Protein backbone atom coordinates (compact mmCIF):
# COMPACT_ATOMS: atom_id res chain seq x y z
CA MET A 1 0.02 -0.12 -0.02
CA GLU A 2 2.85 2.54 0.83
CA GLY A 3 4.21 2.12 -2.84
CA ASN A 4 0.57 3.17 -4.32
CA ALA A 5 0.82 6.23 -1.99
CA VAL A 6 4.33 7.24 -3.28
CA SER A 7 3.13 6.42 -6.80
CA ALA A 8 -0.26 8.53 -6.45
CA ALA A 9 2.15 11.28 -5.23
CA PHE A 10 4.65 11.21 -8.14
CA ASN A 11 1.78 11.21 -10.37
CA ALA A 12 0.34 14.25 -8.71
CA GLN A 13 3.66 16.12 -8.83
CA VAL A 14 4.04 14.89 -12.73
CA SER A 15 0.63 16.08 -13.74
CA ARG A 16 1.56 19.47 -12.43
CA ILE A 17 4.13 19.84 -14.99
CA LYS A 18 3.39 20.70 -18.69
CA ARG A 19 5.97 20.31 -21.54
CA ALA A 20 6.51 23.52 -23.22
CA PRO A 21 3.93 22.77 -26.34
CA ASP A 22 0.97 21.86 -24.00
CA ALA A 23 1.86 24.98 -21.75
CA ALA A 24 1.52 27.08 -24.68
CA VAL A 25 -1.81 25.76 -25.56
CA TYR A 26 -2.88 25.84 -21.93
CA ILE A 27 -2.51 29.52 -22.18
CA GLY A 28 -3.52 30.12 -25.57
CA VAL A 29 -0.28 31.44 -27.19
CA SER A 30 2.02 29.84 -29.86
CA LEU A 31 5.21 28.00 -28.52
CA SER A 32 7.34 31.01 -29.76
CA THR A 33 5.39 33.36 -27.77
CA LEU A 34 5.66 31.17 -24.71
CA ARG A 35 9.49 31.07 -24.83
CA ARG A 36 9.47 35.12 -25.27
CA LEU A 37 7.20 35.30 -22.10
CA SER A 38 9.40 32.98 -20.40
CA LYS A 39 12.14 35.11 -20.52
CA ALA A 40 10.21 38.32 -19.64
CA PRO A 41 10.54 39.35 -15.84
CA HIS A 42 6.87 38.80 -15.18
CA GLY A 43 6.41 35.57 -17.63
CA PRO A 44 5.75 32.07 -16.81
CA LYS A 45 9.07 30.49 -15.61
CA PRO A 46 10.28 27.35 -17.28
CA ILE A 47 11.69 24.36 -15.34
CA LYS A 48 14.50 22.63 -17.12
CA LEU A 49 13.43 18.89 -17.40
CA GLY A 50 16.76 17.43 -18.98
CA GLY A 51 18.73 18.24 -21.96
CA ALA A 52 16.77 20.86 -24.13
CA SER A 53 13.52 19.80 -22.43
CA VAL A 54 11.67 22.31 -20.41
CA GLY A 55 8.27 22.44 -18.71
CA PHE A 56 6.02 24.85 -16.90
CA ASP A 57 4.11 24.42 -13.42
CA VAL A 58 0.52 25.02 -13.95
CA ARG A 59 0.25 27.06 -11.04
CA ASP A 60 3.04 29.16 -12.33
CA LEU A 61 0.63 29.18 -15.57
CA ASP A 62 -2.86 29.92 -13.76
CA GLU A 63 -0.58 32.86 -11.93
CA TRP A 64 0.48 34.48 -15.10
CA ILE A 65 -3.19 34.29 -16.54
CA ASP A 66 -4.34 35.69 -13.25
CA ARG A 67 -2.00 38.49 -13.63
CA LYS A 68 -2.86 39.26 -17.22
CA LYS A 69 -6.55 39.26 -16.20
CA ALA A 70 -6.30 41.72 -13.58
CA ALA A 71 -4.46 43.88 -15.75
CA CYS A 72 -7.23 43.87 -18.27
CA GLY A 73 -9.73 44.66 -15.43
CA GLN A 74 -11.10 41.01 -15.39
CA PRO A 75 -11.79 39.19 -12.12
CA GLU A 76 -9.47 36.14 -11.12
CA ALA A 77 -10.68 32.75 -11.65
CA SER A 78 -11.81 30.94 -8.31
CA SER A 79 -10.14 27.76 -7.30
């Protein structure tokens, strides 16, 4: 049973990370725009996954979306 708890915790952690192409779709921008945004001071920050692969934490993507909405005067999404 302990192995199942570890496996579930690992899967929950992994599902929080989206690879760059999926992250771009998630926030509604092109991959090149996501790369440009990730270099900006307040853009979503990439996480190195190994080699040239990067991912993005879904919470960071959601926070970025909320900041963009706030800047446009739209209310934040409720969790």
